[in-house]
Amino acid sequence: MVLSRRAVLFLGFCFFTFVFFAARSLRQPHAWESVPQAVGLGEYLPSNSHGSGASTNWSMAYNVSTGHIKPYPYVPRPNFVTGIPKPLGTQYTKRLVVPRTTEEDVSWIAEELPDWDTAIYVANDPSAPLHPPVNKGNEVMIYLTYVIDFYDNLPDVSVFVHAHQNAWHNEKLFGGDSAETVRRLNLNRVIREGYMNLRCGLGPGCPDWMHPGEIEPDETKQEEIVLARAWSEIFPDDPVPLVLAQPCCAQFALSKERIRTIPRSRFVFYRDWLLQTTLSDYITGRVWEYLWQYVFAGEPVLCPDESVCLCDGYGFCFGGLDNFRAFQAAMEERDELQLESDNFDWMSEDLETTKNFGELDETMDLNIPPPGGKSENEGPLAAKTREVEALLENALARGNDPRLRAEEVGRPWKDGDGF
């Protein structure tokens, strides 16, 4: 009887203790948030902590001009429609949007593209006529600032490019030259598409590139592990996609109509996020590199057929994807032969220099050019170069015919239509 009474008292004490601590834990707000959980792309929970690297709940946005928090500018999802080009022979108004620093030389723009209006923003000079509110976020800040500043005074087409004229990520067909890229750009395609990435080459960036749910760091894609959180802050109404992809590297063209499909307040919100994020400039630039296609086309993955892009976008029409692949193969063979020729020249020059300095002896470790190597290479290189040039000439001839261009890319065409 005594044991039974003690057991009842002990069980009662345990029950009371359990209820007390359970009630106490429930009164602590967000205590469950610290519990480890798997990444769920549709179940993102923004953090309200304020430590280093903490994320802000961007259902509210910070207005840098007033210093106040303002509500997220909810608007219905944009209805992106195909644009209608102007009649044949009509000129488009057009503007280059260029972010630069005081150290960068952009004189090539006036020299190479004198018929283009420009909006050149100087990132690190607050006294410049065009400058961002702060120097942050690389080109993203300036692209967004341009749209905000010129929203009511946009040309038909705005083209966003970097300050350097030559870069590896520009189209190889144009020698990596931004000026040649812009000169060849088909503004009619920009009007039709609304948003056009200036790069047709799929890699890097396509077809299956960024995975916002990834939690393992990748040195080649350092922004990947922060994409889910960034997305949920920038697009709080939209589920995080499994994949984000488009050709790199944040150079694109936009029609006036496409920009204005999105309210100006939304661009202000995006820029406010950029002003407040604790992510580095490098990472924010890389994050947005794979967001522009979603902002302006509504597509997480936008990887157009490379041959269609080159044909309709720039007038190089090879007659379909298979013919384009054949051209690529010929280019690769030509480049390999050219590399062999260059290596032969380099080895010959190195050997001659060593001889002239009297340092040549049998113990030296030199790359000796093979006898007759240059002459044996010259014939195949010349033949392959002629083949590549002929394919390019044929592609340009096809591209200069608006009917053939339309047929190749699969869009309707009638007499009197342009490109």
Protein backbone atom coordinates (compact mmCIF):
# COMPACT_ATOMS: atom_id res chain seq x y z
CA MET A 1 0.00 0.00 0.00
CA VAL A 2 2.86 2.35 0.88
CA LEU A 3 4.66 1.49 -2.36
CA SER A 4 1.51 2.12 -4.36
CA ARG A 5 1.04 5.56 -2.77
CA ARG A 6 4.68 6.47 -3.48
CA ALA A 7 4.31 5.38 -7.10
CA VAL A 8 1.25 7.59 -7.55
CA LEU A 9 3.09 10.57 -6.05
CA PHE A 10 6.13 9.96 -8.28
CA LEU A 11 4.02 9.69 -11.44
CA GLY A 12 2.14 12.84 -10.51
CA PHE A 13 5.39 14.73 -10.01
CA CYS A 14 6.69 13.56 -13.42
CA PHE A 15 3.48 14.60 -15.16
CA PHE A 16 3.52 18.05 -13.53
CA THR A 17 7.18 18.56 -14.51
CA PHE A 18 6.49 17.57 -18.14
CA VAL A 19 3.52 19.94 -18.43
CA PHE A 20 5.51 22.80 -16.87
CA PHE A 21 8.46 22.56 -19.25
CA ALA A 22 6.27 21.95 -22.30
CA ALA A 23 4.24 25.08 -21.58
CA ARG A 24 7.42 27.07 -20.96
CA SER A 25 8.96 26.04 -24.28
CA LEU A 26 5.80 26.87 -26.19
CA ARG A 27 5.84 30.40 -24.79
CA GLN A 28 9.29 31.01 -26.38
CA PRO A 29 8.70 32.45 -29.87
CA HIS A 30 10.28 30.63 -32.80
CA ALA A 31 11.99 28.10 -30.53
CA TRP A 32 11.28 25.41 -33.12
CA GLU A 33 13.18 27.29 -35.78
CA SER A 34 16.51 26.15 -34.33
CA VAL A 35 15.63 22.51 -34.89
CA PRO A 36 17.74 21.12 -37.78
CA GLN A 37 15.64 20.31 -40.83
CA ALA A 38 16.16 19.28 -44.41
CA VAL A 39 16.12 21.92 -47.11
CA GLY A 40 12.64 22.08 -48.59
CA LEU A 41 12.36 24.45 -51.54
CA GLY A 42 8.66 25.00 -51.04
CA GLU A 43 8.93 25.47 -47.28
CA TYR A 44 11.46 28.26 -46.96
CA LEU A 45 11.42 30.07 -43.64
CA PRO A 46 13.12 33.49 -43.63
CA SER A 47 15.32 34.22 -40.66
CA ASN A 48 14.60 37.13 -38.34
CA SER A 49 18.00 37.05 -36.67
CA HIS A 50 20.29 40.05 -36.96
CA GLY A 51 23.73 38.50 -36.66
CA SER A 52 26.45 38.62 -39.27
CA GLY A 53 25.24 37.14 -42.53
CA ALA A 54 21.63 37.06 -41.32
CA SER A 55 18.85 37.34 -43.83
CA THR A 56 16.13 39.96 -43.72
CA ASN A 57 12.48 39.05 -44.07
CA TRP A 58 11.89 40.69 -47.42
CA SER A 59 8.13 40.64 -47.25
CA MET A 60 9.05 44.17 -46.17
CA ALA A 61 11.60 46.22 -48.10
CA TYR A 62 13.90 49.02 -47.01
CA ASN A 63 13.60 52.35 -48.80
CA VAL A 64 17.07 53.88 -48.88
CA SER A 65 15.75 57.33 -49.77
CA THR A 66 13.49 57.62 -46.72
CA GLY A 67 15.05 55.15 -44.33
CA HIS A 68 11.70 53.44 -43.80
CA ILE A 69 10.48 49.91 -44.26
CA LYS A 70 7.80 49.66 -46.91
CA PRO A 71 5.56 46.73 -47.90
CA TYR A 72 6.52 44.30 -50.61
CA PRO A 73 4.92 45.65 -53.81
CA TYR A 74 2.60 42.79 -54.66
CA VAL A 75 1.40 42.79 -58.24
CA PRO A 76 -0.05 40.00 -60.38
CA ARG A 77 2.45 37.90 -62.30
CA PRO A 78 3.46 39.81 -65.47
CA ASN A 79 1.81 38.73 -68.70
CA PHE A 80 4.73 38.53 -71.11
CA VAL A 81 3.59 38.63 -74.74
CA THR A 82 5.42 38.49 -78.05
CA GLY A 83 6.28 41.97 -79.30
CA ILE A 84 5.48 43.27 -82.78
CA PRO A 85 8.43 44.72 -84.74
CA LYS A 86 8.09 48.04 -86.51
CA PRO A 87 7.39 48.11 -90.26
CA LEU A 88 10.30 47.42 -92.58
CA GLY A 89 12.62 50.41 -92.88
CA THR A 90 11.54 52.04 -89.61
CA GLN A 91 14.35 52.98 -87.24
CA TYR A 92 14.40 51.98 -83.60
CA THR A 93 15.56 54.18 -80.77
CA LYS A 94 18.31 52.34 -78.92
CA ARG A 95 20.57 52.84 -75.93
CA LEU A 96 23.59 51.09 -74.45
CA VAL A 97 23.55 50.77 -70.67
CA VAL A 98 27.10 50.42 -69.38
CA PRO A 99 28.37 50.12 -65.80
CA ARG A 100 31.95 51.29 -65.39
CA THR A 101 34.47 52.47 -62.82
CA THR A 102 36.69 55.52 -63.15
CA GLU A 103 39.57 53.20 -64.02
CA GLU A 104 37.84 51.59 -67.00
CA ASP A 105 38.18 52.93 -70.54
CA VAL A 106 34.93 53.02 -72.50
CA SER A 107 36.12 55.20 -75.37
CA TRP A 108 35.53 52.23 -77.69
CA ILE A 109 31.79 52.84 -77.47
CA ALA A 110 31.88 56.27 -79.11
CA GLU A 111 34.44 55.08 -81.66
CA GLU A 112 32.76 51.81 -82.61
CA LEU A 113 29.07 52.54 -82.01
CA PRO A 114 28.52 56.24 -82.74
CA ASP A 115 24.86 55.72 -83.68
CA TRP A 116 23.92 54.39 -80.24
CA ASP A 117 22.64 56.53 -77.40
CA THR A 118 24.38 55.69 -74.11
CA ALA A 119 23.70 55.61 -70.39
CA ILE A 120 27.12 55.09 -68.85
CA TYR A 121 26.96 54.85 -65.06
CA VAL A 122 30.14 55.38 -63.04
CA ALA A 123 29.95 53.05 -60.07
CA ASN A 124 32.60 54.69 -57.89
CA ASP A 125 32.06 58.39 -58.64
CA PRO A 126 29.05 59.97 -56.86
CA SER A 127 29.69 63.22 -58.75
CA ALA A 128 29.24 61.61 -62.18
CA PRO A 129 26.10 62.61 -64.10
CA LEU A 130 24.92 58.99 -63.93
CA HIS A 131 25.82 56.98 -60.84
CA PRO A 132 24.13 54.44 -58.55
CA PRO A 133 23.02 55.31 -55.00
CA VAL A 134 25.95 53.26 -53.68
CA ASN A 135 28.74 51.25 -55.27
CA LYS A 136 27.44 47.80 -54.44
CA GLY A 137 26.38 44.65 -56.26
CA ASN A 138 28.52 45.09 -59.37
CA GLU A 139 26.50 45.58 -62.57
CA VAL A 140 23.22 44.58 -60.87
CA MET A 141 22.93 47.88 -59.01
CA ILE A 142 23.48 49.89 -62.17
CA TYR A 143 21.15 47.83 -64.35
CA LEU A 144 18.34 48.24 -61.81
CA THR A 145 19.12 51.92 -61.27
CA TYR A 146 18.93 52.57 -65.01
CA VAL A 147 15.50 50.95 -65.25
CA ILE A 148 14.29 52.98 -62.27
CA ASP A 149 15.79 56.26 -63.54
CA PHE A 150 14.63 55.91 -67.15
CA TYR A 151 11.41 53.96 -66.66
CA ASP A 152 9.33 56.79 -68.17
CA ASN A 153 11.91 57.68 -70.82
CA LEU A 154 12.99 54.38 -72.34
CA PRO A 155 14.12 53.85 -75.94
CA ASP A 156 12.63 51.04 -78.01
CA VAL A 157 15.59 48.82 -77.09
CA SER A 158 18.03 48.98 -74.17
CA VAL A 159 21.17 46.85 -74.37
CA PHE A 160 23.05 46.11 -71.15
CA VAL A 161 26.77 45.41 -71.61
CA HIS A 162 29.96 45.49 -69.57
CA ALA A 163 32.56 48.23 -69.86
CA HIS A 164 35.23 46.11 -71.55
CA GLN A 165 35.13 45.73 -75.31
CA ASN A 166 36.72 42.30 -75.52
CA ALA A 167 35.92 39.35 -73.27
CA TRP A 168 35.99 35.55 -73.39
CA HIS A 169 32.25 35.36 -72.74
CA ASN A 170 31.33 37.34 -75.86
CA GLU A 171 30.46 35.33 -78.94
CA LYS A 172 33.45 33.59 -80.50
CA LEU A 173 32.10 34.30 -83.99
CA PHE A 174 32.59 38.00 -83.27
CA GLY A 175 36.09 37.57 -81.90
CA GLY A 176 34.84 38.25 -78.38
CA ASP A 177 34.13 41.85 -79.41
CA SER A 178 31.22 43.63 -77.71
CA ALA A 179 31.06 46.27 -80.43
CA GLU A 180 30.65 43.64 -83.15
CA THR A 181 28.02 41.87 -81.05
CA VAL A 182 25.97 45.06 -80.71
CA ARG A 183 26.41 46.00 -84.39
CA ARG A 184 25.07 42.64 -85.54
CA LEU A 185 22.23 42.46 -83.01
CA ASN A 186 18.83 42.09 -84.67
CA LEU A 187 16.64 44.60 -82.86
CA ASN A 188 13.53 43.00 -84.35
CA ARG A 189 14.29 39.84 -82.40
CA VAL A 190 14.66 41.87 -79.22
CA ILE A 191 11.24 43.41 -79.84
CA ARG A 192 9.68 40.00 -80.49
CA GLU A 193 11.30 38.24 -77.56
CA GLY A 194 11.22 41.15 -75.12
CA TYR A 195 14.33 39.79 -73.41
CA MET A 196 17.36 38.45 -75.26
CA ASN A 197 20.59 37.20 -73.75
CA LEU A 198 23.43 38.52 -75.93
CA ARG A 199 25.30 35.23 -75.57
CA CYS A 200 24.15 32.34 -77.75
CA GLY A 201 26.76 29.83 -76.55
CA LEU A 202 25.13 27.67 -73.92
CA GLY A 203 28.09 27.08 -71.64
CA PRO A 204 28.59 28.08 -68.96
CA GLY A 205 25.07 28.49 -67.68
CA CYS A 206 23.01 25.94 -69.61
CA PRO A 207 21.21 23.64 -69.69
CA ASP A 208 21.16 22.39 -66.09
CA TRP A 209 23.32 24.82 -64.15
CA MET A 210 22.22 26.24 -60.79
CA HIS A 211 20.36 24.10 -58.25
CA PRO A 212 18.98 26.38 -55.52
CA GLY A 213 18.38 23.45 -53.15
CA GLU A 214 22.06 22.45 -53.15
CA ILE A 215 23.69 22.53 -49.71
CA GLU A 216 27.17 21.30 -50.64
CA PRO A 217 29.54 24.13 -51.68
CA ASP A 218 30.88 24.11 -55.25
CA GLU A 219 33.94 26.27 -55.88
CA THR A 220 32.88 26.82 -59.49
CA LYS A 221 29.40 27.97 -58.42
CA GLN A 222 29.89 29.65 -55.06
CA GLU A 223 26.52 31.39 -55.25
CA GLU A 224 24.57 28.14 -55.57
CA ILE A 225 24.17 27.42 -51.85
CA VAL A 226 22.69 30.88 -51.15
CA LEU A 227 20.30 30.90 -54.11
CA ALA A 228 17.31 29.41 -52.27
CA ARG A 229 17.46 32.01 -49.51
CA ALA A 230 18.10 34.87 -51.96
CA TRP A 231 15.23 33.74 -54.18
CA SER A 232 12.81 33.62 -51.26
CA GLU A 233 13.77 37.16 -50.32
CA ILE A 234 13.60 38.55 -53.85
CA PHE A 235 10.52 36.62 -55.03
CA PRO A 236 8.62 35.87 -51.81
CA ASP A 237 5.43 34.95 -53.69
CA ASP A 238 7.09 32.40 -55.98
CA PRO A 239 8.23 28.86 -55.14
CA VAL A 240 11.95 28.27 -55.47
CA PRO A 241 12.69 26.44 -58.75
CA LEU A 242 14.73 23.26 -58.86
CA VAL A 243 17.00 24.66 -61.59
CA LEU A 244 18.05 28.12 -62.74
CA ALA A 245 19.85 28.38 -66.06
CA GLN A 246 20.67 30.72 -68.90
CA PRO A 247 23.89 31.46 -70.80
CA CYS A 248 26.26 33.57 -68.73
CA CYS A 249 27.31 36.47 -68.22
CA ALA A 250 24.74 39.21 -67.48
CA GLN A 251 24.66 40.98 -70.86
CA PHE A 252 21.26 41.24 -72.50
CA ALA A 253 18.82 43.35 -74.50
CA LEU A 254 15.32 44.45 -73.48
CA SER A 255 12.41 46.03 -75.27
CA LYS A 256 10.69 49.03 -73.74
CA GLU A 257 7.43 47.09 -73.61
CA ARG A 258 9.00 44.21 -71.71
CA ILE A 259 10.46 46.49 -69.06
CA ARG A 260 7.16 48.30 -68.59
CA THR A 261 5.26 45.05 -68.22
CA ILE A 262 6.74 45.09 -64.71
CA PRO A 263 5.81 48.00 -62.39
CA ARG A 264 8.60 50.39 -61.50
CA SER A 265 7.96 49.72 -57.81
CA ARG A 266 9.10 46.13 -58.31
CA PHE A 267 12.50 47.28 -59.57
CA VAL A 268 12.77 49.60 -56.57
CA PHE A 269 12.09 46.60 -54.35
CA TYR A 270 14.80 44.57 -56.09
CA ARG A 271 17.29 47.40 -55.63
CA ASP A 272 16.33 47.81 -51.99
CA TRP A 273 17.11 44.13 -51.49
CA LEU A 274 20.51 44.71 -53.06
CA LEU A 275 21.15 47.70 -50.81
CA GLN A 276 20.37 45.70 -47.69
CA THR A 277 21.75 42.23 -48.40
CA THR A 278 24.81 41.11 -46.46
CA LEU A 279 26.00 38.99 -49.38
CA SER A 280 29.24 40.12 -51.02
CA ASP A 281 29.23 42.08 -54.28
CA TYR A 282 30.73 39.09 -56.06
CA ILE A 283 28.01 36.72 -54.86
CA THR A 284 25.10 39.10 -55.48
CA GLY A 285 26.35 39.67 -59.02
CA ARG A 286 26.56 35.94 -59.60
CA VAL A 287 23.13 35.33 -58.05
CA TRP A 288 21.47 37.86 -60.34
CA GLU A 289 23.28 36.46 -63.36
CA TYR A 290 20.76 33.62 -63.20
CA LEU A 291 17.73 35.70 -62.19
CA TRP A 292 17.43 38.15 -65.09
CA GLN A 293 15.68 35.59 -67.31
CA TYR A 294 13.08 35.04 -64.61
CA VAL A 295 12.53 38.75 -64.01
CA PHE A 296 12.10 39.61 -67.69
CA ALA A 297 10.87 36.36 -69.25
CA GLY A 298 9.27 34.50 -66.36
CA GLU A 299 11.42 31.44 -67.09
CA PRO A 300 13.74 29.81 -64.52
CA VAL A 301 15.47 28.02 -67.40
CA LEU A 302 15.97 29.91 -70.66
CA CYS A 303 18.44 28.13 -72.94
CA PRO A 304 17.51 28.87 -76.58
CA ASP A 305 18.79 26.70 -79.41
CA GLU A 306 22.23 28.10 -80.19
CA SER A 307 21.72 27.97 -83.95
CA VAL A 308 18.37 29.80 -83.68
CA CYS A 309 19.93 32.49 -81.50
CA LEU A 310 22.78 33.07 -83.96
CA CYS A 311 20.45 33.05 -86.95
CA ASP A 312 17.59 35.22 -85.75
CA GLY A 313 19.68 37.27 -83.36
CA TYR A 314 22.76 37.96 -85.47
CA GLY A 315 22.15 36.77 -89.04
CA PHE A 316 24.40 33.67 -89.08
CA CYS A 317 22.04 31.01 -90.43
CA PHE A 318 23.75 27.66 -90.96
CA GLY A 319 20.66 25.79 -92.13
CA GLY A 320 19.68 24.10 -88.89
CA LEU A 321 21.25 22.64 -85.79
CA ASP A 322 23.01 19.75 -87.56
CA ASN A 323 24.75 22.10 -89.99
CA PHE A 324 25.70 24.37 -87.13
CA ARG A 325 27.25 21.42 -85.29
CA ALA A 326 29.24 20.60 -88.43
CA PHE A 327 30.48 24.19 -88.50
CA GLN A 328 31.48 23.96 -84.84
CA ALA A 329 33.42 20.76 -85.54
CA ALA A 330 35.25 22.44 -88.44
CA MET A 331 36.07 25.40 -86.19
CA GLU A 332 37.49 23.11 -83.52
CA GLU A 333 39.66 21.28 -86.05
CA ARG A 334 40.89 24.60 -87.44
CA ASP A 335 41.70 25.85 -83.93
CA GLU A 336 43.62 22.67 -83.08
CA LEU A 337 45.69 22.98 -86.26
CA GLN A 338 46.31 26.64 -85.50
CA LEU A 339 47.44 25.75 -81.98
CA GLU A 340 49.89 23.19 -83.35
CA SER A 341 51.26 25.81 -85.72
CA ASP A 342 51.59 28.36 -82.91
CA ASN A 343 53.35 25.81 -80.70
CA PHE A 344 55.82 25.05 -83.49
CA ASP A 345 56.58 28.78 -83.83
CA TRP A 346 57.01 29.11 -80.07
CA MET A 347 59.41 26.16 -79.86
CA SER A 348 61.41 27.45 -82.83
CA GLU A 349 61.72 30.92 -81.30
CA ASP A 350 62.75 29.47 -77.94
CA LEU A 351 65.42 27.32 -79.59
CA GLU A 352 66.75 30.23 -81.64
CA THR A 353 66.92 32.51 -78.59
CA THR A 354 68.85 29.87 -76.64
CA LYS A 355 71.32 29.47 -79.53
CA ASN A 356 71.87 33.21 -79.80
CA PHE A 357 72.76 33.45 -76.12
CA GLY A 358 75.20 30.56 -76.48
CA GLU A 359 73.43 28.53 -73.82
CA LEU A 360 72.55 25.49 -75.89
CA ASP A 361 74.04 22.18 -74.78
CA GLU A 362 72.96 18.58 -74.76
CA THR A 363 71.96 18.66 -71.09
CA MET A 364 69.26 21.29 -71.60
CA ASP A 365 65.60 20.32 -71.43
CA LEU A 366 64.16 22.04 -74.51
CA ASN A 367 61.09 21.39 -76.61
CA ILE A 368 62.64 20.78 -80.01
CA PRO A 369 60.30 21.40 -82.96
CA PRO A 370 59.93 18.29 -85.13
CA PRO A 371 61.64 18.43 -88.53
CA GLY A 372 59.23 19.60 -91.20
CA GLY A 373 56.47 20.10 -88.62
CA LYS A 374 55.53 23.57 -89.78
CA SER A 375 55.34 22.71 -93.46
CA GLU A 376 53.34 19.56 -92.80
CA ASN A 377 50.82 21.58 -90.79
CA GLU A 378 50.42 24.49 -93.20
CA GLY A 379 48.43 22.64 -95.86
CA PRO A 380 45.75 21.16 -93.58
CA LEU A 381 45.47 24.45 -91.66
CA ALA A 382 44.95 26.47 -94.84
CA ALA A 383 42.37 23.99 -96.14
CA LYS A 384 40.42 23.93 -92.89
CA THR A 385 40.52 27.73 -92.67
CA ARG A 386 39.03 27.98 -96.17
CA GLU A 387 36.32 25.50 -95.19
CA VAL A 388 35.37 27.53 -92.11
CA GLU A 389 35.33 30.78 -94.07
CA ALA A 390 33.10 29.24 -96.75
CA LEU A 391 30.64 27.98 -94.13
CA LEU A 392 30.53 31.44 -92.55
CA GLU A 393 29.95 33.14 -95.90
CA ASN A 394 27.09 30.77 -96.68
CA ALA A 395 25.59 31.33 -93.22
CA LEU A 396 25.70 35.10 -93.67
CA ALA A 397 24.16 34.83 -97.14
CA ARG A 398 21.26 32.82 -95.73
CA GLY A 399 20.93 35.23 -92.83
CA ASN A 400 20.70 38.20 -95.18
CA ASP A 401 17.54 36.74 -96.71
CA PRO A 402 14.66 37.55 -94.32
CA ARG A 403 12.52 34.69 -95.66
CA LEU A 404 15.24 32.07 -95.17
CA ARG A 405 16.00 33.44 -91.74
CA ALA A 406 12.35 33.18 -90.70
CA GLU A 407 12.06 29.64 -92.10
CA GLU A 408 15.15 28.47 -90.26
CA VAL A 409 13.97 29.70 -86.87
CA GLY A 410 10.38 28.60 -87.44
CA ARG A 411 8.49 31.87 -87.39
CA PRO A 412 5.90 33.04 -89.93
CA TRP A 413 6.96 35.38 -92.72
CA LYS A 414 5.24 37.11 -95.63
CA ASP A 415 6.36 39.43 -98.40
CA GLY A 416 7.25 42.82 -96.99
CA ASP A 417 8.29 41.49 -93.59
CA GLY A 418 11.76 42.36 -92.38
CA PHE A 419 14.06 40.38 -90.17
